[in-house]
Amino acid sequence: KALQTTKKPDKLVIKDGWLMCPSCGKQRVLRIYPETRAKCLQVYCKRCGHEHIVNIDECLCQSACAT
């Protein structure tokens, strides 16, 4: 039997008003303003090819899939 592991949510990094990619940390994926709120928002990093589901209210991120 294969063991299933649940990945803990990563913390979001916001640098100079931009949400940085949670995987590679080098690509800006979304512009964030102080009043920005989002729940279950899908973002895609062109650099590493990962998609993430982000909750900006809680500053949490969960990986949707890796390519």
N, C-alpha and C. Protein backbone atom coordinates (compact mmCIF):
# COMPACT_ATOMS: atom_id res chain seq x y z
N LYS A 1 0.84 -1.19 0.00
CA LYS A 1 0.00 0.00 0.00
C LYS A 1 0.87 1.24 0.00
N ALA A 2 0.46 2.20 -0.76
CA ALA A 2 1.19 3.46 -0.81
C ALA A 2 0.73 4.36 0.33
N LEU A 3 1.67 4.97 0.97
CA LEU A 3 1.35 5.90 2.04
C LEU A 3 1.02 7.26 1.44
N GLN A 4 -0.05 7.83 1.90
CA GLN A 4 -0.43 9.15 1.43
C GLN A 4 0.01 10.18 2.46
N THR A 5 0.62 11.22 1.98
CA THR A 5 1.01 12.30 2.88
C THR A 5 0.26 13.56 2.49
N THR A 6 -0.09 14.32 3.47
CA THR A 6 -0.73 15.60 3.19
C THR A 6 0.30 16.68 3.37
N LYS A 7 0.41 17.52 2.37
CA LYS A 7 1.37 18.61 2.42
C LYS A 7 0.80 19.75 3.24
N LYS A 8 1.59 20.26 4.16
CA LYS A 8 1.17 21.40 4.95
C LYS A 8 1.20 22.65 4.06
N PRO A 9 0.27 23.56 4.28
CA PRO A 9 0.26 24.78 3.48
C PRO A 9 1.54 25.59 3.68
N ASP A 10 2.04 26.14 2.60
CA ASP A 10 3.22 27.00 2.66
C ASP A 10 2.77 28.43 2.97
N LYS A 11 3.67 29.19 3.55
CA LYS A 11 3.39 30.61 3.78
C LYS A 11 3.60 31.37 2.49
N LEU A 12 2.77 32.35 2.26
CA LEU A 12 2.91 33.18 1.07
C LEU A 12 3.95 34.26 1.33
N VAL A 13 4.74 34.55 0.29
CA VAL A 13 5.74 35.60 0.38
C VAL A 13 5.29 36.74 -0.53
N ILE A 14 5.14 37.92 0.05
CA ILE A 14 4.77 39.10 -0.71
C ILE A 14 5.93 40.07 -0.65
N LYS A 15 6.45 40.42 -1.83
CA LYS A 15 7.63 41.27 -1.92
C LYS A 15 7.31 42.44 -2.84
N ASP A 16 7.47 43.65 -2.34
CA ASP A 16 7.20 44.88 -3.10
C ASP A 16 5.80 44.89 -3.71
N GLY A 17 4.81 44.33 -2.99
CA GLY A 17 3.43 44.33 -3.47
C GLY A 17 3.11 43.21 -4.43
N TRP A 18 4.00 42.26 -4.62
CA TRP A 18 3.77 41.13 -5.53
C TRP A 18 3.82 39.83 -4.76
N LEU A 19 2.91 38.92 -5.10
CA LEU A 19 2.93 37.57 -4.56
C LEU A 19 3.99 36.78 -5.30
N MET A 20 4.94 36.23 -4.56
CA MET A 20 6.01 35.45 -5.17
C MET A 20 5.57 34.00 -5.27
N CYS A 21 6.10 33.27 -6.25
CA CYS A 21 5.76 31.87 -6.44
C CYS A 21 6.16 31.07 -5.19
N PRO A 22 5.24 30.30 -4.61
CA PRO A 22 5.58 29.51 -3.43
C PRO A 22 6.58 28.39 -3.71
N SER A 23 6.69 27.95 -4.97
CA SER A 23 7.61 26.87 -5.29
C SER A 23 9.03 27.36 -5.55
N CYS A 24 9.18 28.24 -6.53
CA CYS A 24 10.53 28.69 -6.90
C CYS A 24 10.93 29.97 -6.18
N GLY A 25 9.96 30.79 -5.78
CA GLY A 25 10.25 32.01 -5.04
C GLY A 25 10.85 33.13 -5.87
N LYS A 26 10.96 32.95 -7.17
CA LYS A 26 11.62 33.95 -8.01
C LYS A 26 10.68 34.68 -8.95
N GLN A 27 9.54 34.11 -9.24
CA GLN A 27 8.62 34.69 -10.21
C GLN A 27 7.50 35.43 -9.48
N ARG A 28 7.17 36.62 -9.96
CA ARG A 28 6.02 37.34 -9.44
C ARG A 28 4.79 36.81 -10.15
N VAL A 29 3.80 36.35 -9.39
CA VAL A 29 2.64 35.73 -10.01
C VAL A 29 1.36 36.55 -9.90
N LEU A 30 1.29 37.48 -8.94
CA LEU A 30 0.05 38.23 -8.75
C LEU A 30 0.32 39.51 -7.99
N ARG A 31 -0.29 40.61 -8.44
CA ARG A 31 -0.16 41.89 -7.74
C ARG A 31 -1.09 41.88 -6.53
N ILE A 32 -0.58 42.25 -5.37
CA ILE A 32 -1.35 42.23 -4.13
C ILE A 32 -1.43 43.64 -3.56
N TYR A 33 -2.64 44.05 -3.22
CA TYR A 33 -2.88 45.33 -2.56
C TYR A 33 -3.29 45.05 -1.12
N PRO A 34 -3.17 46.03 -0.22
CA PRO A 34 -3.54 45.78 1.18
C PRO A 34 -4.99 45.32 1.35
N GLU A 35 -5.88 45.75 0.48
CA GLU A 35 -7.28 45.36 0.60
C GLU A 35 -7.62 44.10 -0.21
N THR A 36 -6.64 43.46 -0.83
CA THR A 36 -6.88 42.27 -1.63
C THR A 36 -7.31 41.10 -0.75
N ARG A 37 -8.40 40.46 -1.13
CA ARG A 37 -8.90 39.28 -0.45
C ARG A 37 -9.23 38.24 -1.51
N ALA A 38 -8.87 36.99 -1.27
CA ALA A 38 -9.19 35.92 -2.22
C ALA A 38 -9.22 34.60 -1.48
N LYS A 39 -10.13 33.75 -1.88
CA LYS A 39 -10.21 32.42 -1.30
C LYS A 39 -10.26 31.43 -2.45
N CYS A 40 -9.38 30.46 -2.41
CA CYS A 40 -9.29 29.42 -3.45
C CYS A 40 -9.00 30.02 -4.82
N LEU A 41 -8.07 30.96 -4.89
CA LEU A 41 -7.67 31.59 -6.14
C LEU A 41 -6.53 30.79 -6.76
N GLN A 42 -6.66 30.44 -8.01
CA GLN A 42 -5.64 29.65 -8.70
C GLN A 42 -4.64 30.60 -9.36
N VAL A 43 -3.35 30.39 -9.07
CA VAL A 43 -2.29 31.17 -9.71
C VAL A 43 -1.30 30.21 -10.36
N TYR A 44 -0.68 30.67 -11.43
CA TYR A 44 0.24 29.84 -12.21
C TYR A 44 1.57 30.56 -12.37
N CYS A 45 2.67 29.84 -12.14
CA CYS A 45 4.00 30.39 -12.32
C CYS A 45 4.54 29.96 -13.68
N LYS A 46 4.84 30.93 -14.54
CA LYS A 46 5.36 30.62 -15.87
C LYS A 46 6.78 30.07 -15.81
N ARG A 47 7.52 30.43 -14.79
CA ARG A 47 8.92 30.03 -14.69
C ARG A 47 9.06 28.54 -14.35
N CYS A 48 8.39 28.09 -13.28
CA CYS A 48 8.55 26.70 -12.85
C CYS A 48 7.41 25.80 -13.30
N GLY A 49 6.28 26.38 -13.75
CA GLY A 49 5.18 25.58 -14.27
C GLY A 49 4.25 25.01 -13.22
N HIS A 50 4.33 25.48 -11.99
CA HIS A 50 3.45 24.99 -10.94
C HIS A 50 2.19 25.85 -10.84
N GLU A 51 1.09 25.18 -10.50
CA GLU A 51 -0.15 25.87 -10.21
C GLU A 51 -0.39 25.77 -8.71
N HIS A 52 -0.92 26.82 -8.13
CA HIS A 52 -1.19 26.84 -6.70
C HIS A 52 -2.56 27.41 -6.44
N ILE A 53 -3.18 26.93 -5.38
CA ILE A 53 -4.43 27.50 -4.89
C ILE A 53 -4.07 28.34 -3.67
N VAL A 54 -4.39 29.63 -3.72
CA VAL A 54 -4.01 30.52 -2.62
C VAL A 54 -5.23 31.08 -1.92
N ASN A 55 -5.09 31.25 -0.62
CA ASN A 55 -6.07 31.94 0.21
C ASN A 55 -5.36 33.17 0.75
N ILE A 56 -5.64 34.32 0.18
CA ILE A 56 -4.92 35.54 0.55
C ILE A 56 -5.41 36.08 1.89
N ASP A 57 -6.65 35.82 2.26
CA ASP A 57 -7.13 36.25 3.57
C ASP A 57 -6.32 35.61 4.68
N GLU A 58 -5.98 34.35 4.52
CA GLU A 58 -5.28 33.59 5.55
C GLU A 58 -3.78 33.51 5.29
N CYS A 59 -3.31 34.04 4.17
CA CYS A 59 -1.89 33.96 3.78
C CYS A 59 -1.41 32.51 3.72
N LEU A 60 -2.22 31.64 3.14
CA LEU A 60 -1.85 30.24 3.00
C LEU A 60 -1.86 29.83 1.54
N CYS A 61 -1.15 28.79 1.24
CA CYS A 61 -1.08 28.29 -0.14
C CYS A 61 -1.06 26.78 -0.13
N GLN A 62 -1.74 26.17 -1.09
CA GLN A 62 -1.72 24.73 -1.26
C GLN A 62 -1.43 24.45 -2.72
N SER A 63 -0.56 23.50 -2.99
CA SER A 63 -0.23 23.15 -4.36
C SER A 63 -1.41 22.43 -5.00
N ALA A 64 -1.76 22.84 -6.20
CA ALA A 64 -2.83 22.19 -6.94
C ALA A 64 -2.28 21.02 -7.73
N CYS A 65 -1.23 21.26 -8.47
CA CYS A 65 -0.59 20.19 -9.22
C CYS A 65 0.78 20.66 -9.67
N ALA A 66 1.62 19.73 -9.97
CA ALA A 66 2.98 20.06 -10.43
C ALA A 66 3.15 19.49 -11.83
N THR A 67 3.73 20.29 -12.70
CA THR A 67 3.99 19.82 -14.06
C THR A 67 5.47 19.78 -14.32
